[in-house]
Protein backbone atom coordinates (compact mmCIF):
# COMPACT_ATOMS: atom_id res chain seq x y z
CA MET A 1 -70.31 88.08 -5.21
CA ASN A 2 -67.46 86.74 -3.37
CA ASP A 3 -64.84 89.28 -2.55
CA LYS A 4 -62.07 86.73 -3.07
CA TYR A 5 -62.37 87.05 -6.76
CA MET A 6 -62.32 90.20 -8.74
CA PRO A 7 -65.19 90.92 -10.98
CA ALA A 8 -64.61 90.33 -14.62
CA SER A 9 -64.04 93.48 -16.56
CA SER A 10 -64.21 94.21 -20.18
CA SER A 11 -60.84 95.84 -20.17
CA GLN A 12 -57.93 93.86 -21.22
CA ALA A 13 -55.76 93.33 -18.23
CA THR A 14 -52.61 91.35 -18.50
CA SER A 15 -52.59 89.95 -15.00
CA LEU A 16 -54.82 87.33 -13.48
CA PRO A 17 -56.62 87.94 -10.25
CA LEU A 18 -55.12 86.30 -7.13
CA PRO A 19 -56.88 85.32 -3.99
CA GLY A 20 -56.94 87.91 -1.31
CA ASN A 21 -54.01 88.70 0.99
CA GLY A 22 -51.60 86.50 -0.98
CA LYS A 23 -52.52 83.32 1.00
CA GLN A 24 -53.43 79.98 -0.52
CA GLU A 25 -56.64 79.32 1.30
CA GLY A 26 -57.88 76.56 -1.03
CA ARG A 27 -55.08 74.09 -0.22
CA ARG A 28 -55.64 71.36 2.27
CA LYS A 29 -53.19 70.69 5.04
CA ARG A 30 -51.46 67.35 4.86
CA SER A 31 -51.63 65.37 8.01
CA GLY A 32 -50.26 61.86 8.27
CA LEU A 33 -50.10 59.37 11.09
CA LEU A 34 -46.84 60.77 12.32
CA ASN A 35 -48.24 64.32 12.43
CA ALA A 36 -51.28 63.03 14.28
CA LEU A 37 -49.10 61.24 16.82
CA LEU A 38 -46.46 63.87 17.27
CA PRO A 39 -47.77 67.40 17.62
CA SER A 40 -45.74 70.04 15.87
CA ARG A 41 -44.07 72.76 17.83
CA THR A 42 -46.01 75.47 16.17
CA GLU A 43 -49.39 74.02 17.01
CA GLY A 44 -50.95 74.12 20.40
CA LYS A 45 -51.16 71.18 22.71
CA ARG A 46 -53.12 68.34 21.07
CA SER A 47 -55.14 65.59 22.65
CA PRO A 48 -53.13 62.44 23.60
CA LEU A 49 -56.02 60.23 22.47
CA PRO A 50 -54.61 59.42 19.00
CA MET A 51 -51.28 58.39 20.47
CA ILE A 52 -52.93 56.25 23.12
CA LEU A 53 -55.15 54.60 20.51
CA ALA A 54 -52.15 53.87 18.28
CA ILE A 55 -50.23 52.35 21.19
CA LEU A 56 -53.24 50.26 22.19
CA LEU A 57 -53.67 49.13 18.58
CA TRP A 58 -50.02 48.08 18.29
CA GLY A 59 -50.17 46.37 21.69
CA GLY A 60 -53.34 44.52 20.70
CA LEU A 61 -51.79 43.41 17.41
CA ALA A 62 -48.63 42.25 19.19
CA TYR A 63 -50.68 40.31 21.77
CA ALA A 64 -52.87 38.77 19.06
CA GLY A 65 -49.75 37.70 17.15
CA TYR A 66 -48.26 36.20 20.29
CA ALA A 67 -51.50 34.38 21.16
CA PHE A 68 -51.78 33.04 17.61
CA ALA A 69 -48.17 31.84 17.66
CA VAL A 70 -48.66 30.12 21.03
CA HIS A 71 -51.87 28.49 19.82
CA THR A 72 -50.22 27.29 16.59
CA LEU A 73 -47.18 25.95 18.45
CA ASP A 74 -49.44 24.13 20.94
CA LYS A 75 -51.34 22.46 18.11
CA GLN A 76 -48.08 21.45 16.42
CA GLN A 77 -46.73 20.10 19.71
CA GLN A 78 -49.91 18.05 20.22
CA PHE A 79 -49.59 16.66 16.70
CA VAL A 80 -45.94 15.77 17.22
CA ASN A 81 -46.72 14.14 20.58
CA GLN A 82 -49.54 12.16 18.97
CA GLN A 83 -47.21 10.97 16.19
CA ILE A 84 -44.55 10.01 18.74
CA GLN A 85 -47.16 8.07 20.74
CA GLN A 86 -48.29 6.20 17.61
CA VAL A 87 -44.71 5.32 16.70
CA HIS A 88 -44.09 4.19 20.29
CA GLU A 89 -47.18 1.94 20.24
CA GLU A 90 -46.15 0.49 16.88
CA ASN A 91 -42.65 -0.17 18.20
CA GLN A 92 -44.12 -1.90 21.27
CA LYS A 93 -46.19 -4.18 19.01
CA GLN A 94 -43.12 -5.02 16.94
CA VAL A 95 -41.10 -5.71 20.10
CA ARG A 96 -43.84 -8.10 21.31
CA VAL A 97 -43.92 -9.88 17.94
CA LEU A 98 -40.12 -10.14 17.90
CA GLY A 99 -40.18 -11.44 21.48
CA GLU A 100 -42.65 -14.14 20.49
CA GLN A 101 -40.53 -15.06 17.49
CA LEU A 102 -37.43 -15.16 19.70
CA THR A 103 -39.22 -17.48 22.13
CA MET A 104 -40.22 -19.74 19.26
CA VAL A 105 -36.66 -19.82 17.94
CA GLN A 106 -35.31 -20.59 21.42
CA ASP A 107 -37.82 -23.45 21.77
CA GLU A 108 -36.77 -24.80 18.38
CA MET A 109 -33.11 -24.55 19.43
CA LYS A 110 -33.87 -26.49 22.62
CA ASN A 111 -35.61 -29.16 20.54
CA VAL A 112 -32.62 -29.32 18.20
CA GLN A 113 -30.23 -29.53 21.16
CA SER A 114 -32.23 -32.35 22.73
CA GLY A 115 -32.34 -34.09 19.34
CA LEU A 116 -28.58 -33.71 19.02
CA ALA A 117 -28.11 -35.09 22.54
CA ASN A 118 -30.27 -38.10 21.63
CA LEU A 119 -28.33 -38.54 18.41
CA GLU A 120 -25.01 -38.38 20.24
CA GLU A 121 -26.26 -40.96 22.73
CA ASP A 122 -27.43 -43.19 19.87
CA LEU A 123 -24.04 -42.78 18.18
CA GLU A 124 -22.27 -43.74 21.38
CA LEU A 125 -24.48 -46.81 21.70
CA THR A 126 -23.90 -47.62 18.05
CA GLY A 127 -20.17 -47.11 18.53
CA ALA A 128 -20.26 -49.48 21.51
CA THR A 129 -22.20 -51.95 19.41
CA ILE A 130 -19.79 -51.51 16.54
CA GLY A 131 -16.93 -51.85 19.02
CA GLY A 132 -18.59 -54.96 20.40
CA THR A 133 -19.04 -56.21 16.86
CA ASN A 134 -15.32 -55.73 16.32
CA LYS A 135 -14.66 -57.90 19.36
CA THR A 136 -17.18 -60.39 18.06
CA LYS A 137 -15.57 -60.29 14.64
CA GLU A 138 -12.16 -60.84 16.20
CA ALA A 139 -13.51 -63.73 18.23
CA LEU A 140 -15.15 -65.18 15.15
CA GLN A 141 -11.96 -64.67 13.15
CA ASP A 142 -9.96 -66.46 15.84
CA ARG A 143 -12.45 -69.32 15.79
CA ILE A 144 -12.31 -69.43 11.98
CA ASP A 145 -8.51 -69.48 12.17
CA GLN A 146 -8.67 -72.35 14.67
CA LEU A 147 -11.12 -74.22 12.49
CA ASN A 148 -8.92 -73.61 9.41
CA LYS A 149 -5.95 -74.96 11.36
CA GLN A 150 -7.98 -77.99 12.37
CA LEU A 151 -9.06 -78.40 8.76
CA VAL A 152 -5.45 -78.30 7.62
CA ASP A 153 -4.57 -80.78 10.34
CA LEU A 154 -7.49 -83.00 9.33
CA LYS A 155 -6.49 -82.81 5.66
CA ALA A 156 -2.98 -83.76 6.61
CA SER A 157 -4.32 -86.65 8.68
CA LEU A 158 -6.62 -87.69 5.84
CA LYS A 159 -3.71 -87.69 3.42
CA LYS A 160 -1.70 -89.86 5.76
CA LEU A 161 -4.61 -92.25 6.02
CA GLU A 162 -4.99 -92.35 2.23
CA ASP A 163 -1.28 -93.01 1.86
CA ALA A 164 -1.46 -95.71 4.48
CA ALA A 165 -4.49 -97.26 2.77
CA ARG A 166 -2.68 -97.45 -0.53
CA ALA A 167 0.25 -98.91 1.11
CA TRP A 168 -1.87 -101.77 2.29
């Protein structure tokens, strides 16, 4: 048998058998990442390979994170630039349409201005005609007044003749 354990006896002993030399040989040592990276003072010099691998792993993860962030930001910048370009093109189209509309409105205003100029000229001519008509009316009124005066004179002469004819 194994000399770690005592053989079972038929006597009634009050104590349990313990492993030899009072050591706990069955327990496992705990070793974590920190213990693997940092050698303890009691142990001998360990290999630097685990520390180098951990540093390389962290460096690789940091570089991968940086590369991913740069790639994502580049894609977002391209998308934003594309959206800005589309908005710029749409604005250019609207500016062209508004320019055409402005040209049409300016042409219509020129037509209205020329129409107003023609209308003003016609009004001036009409005013001159109306003014001339006033002169004509005045001349006609003067002639009518003269003819009325002659009529009154002729009536007076006719009355005298009628009176003279009765007197005969």
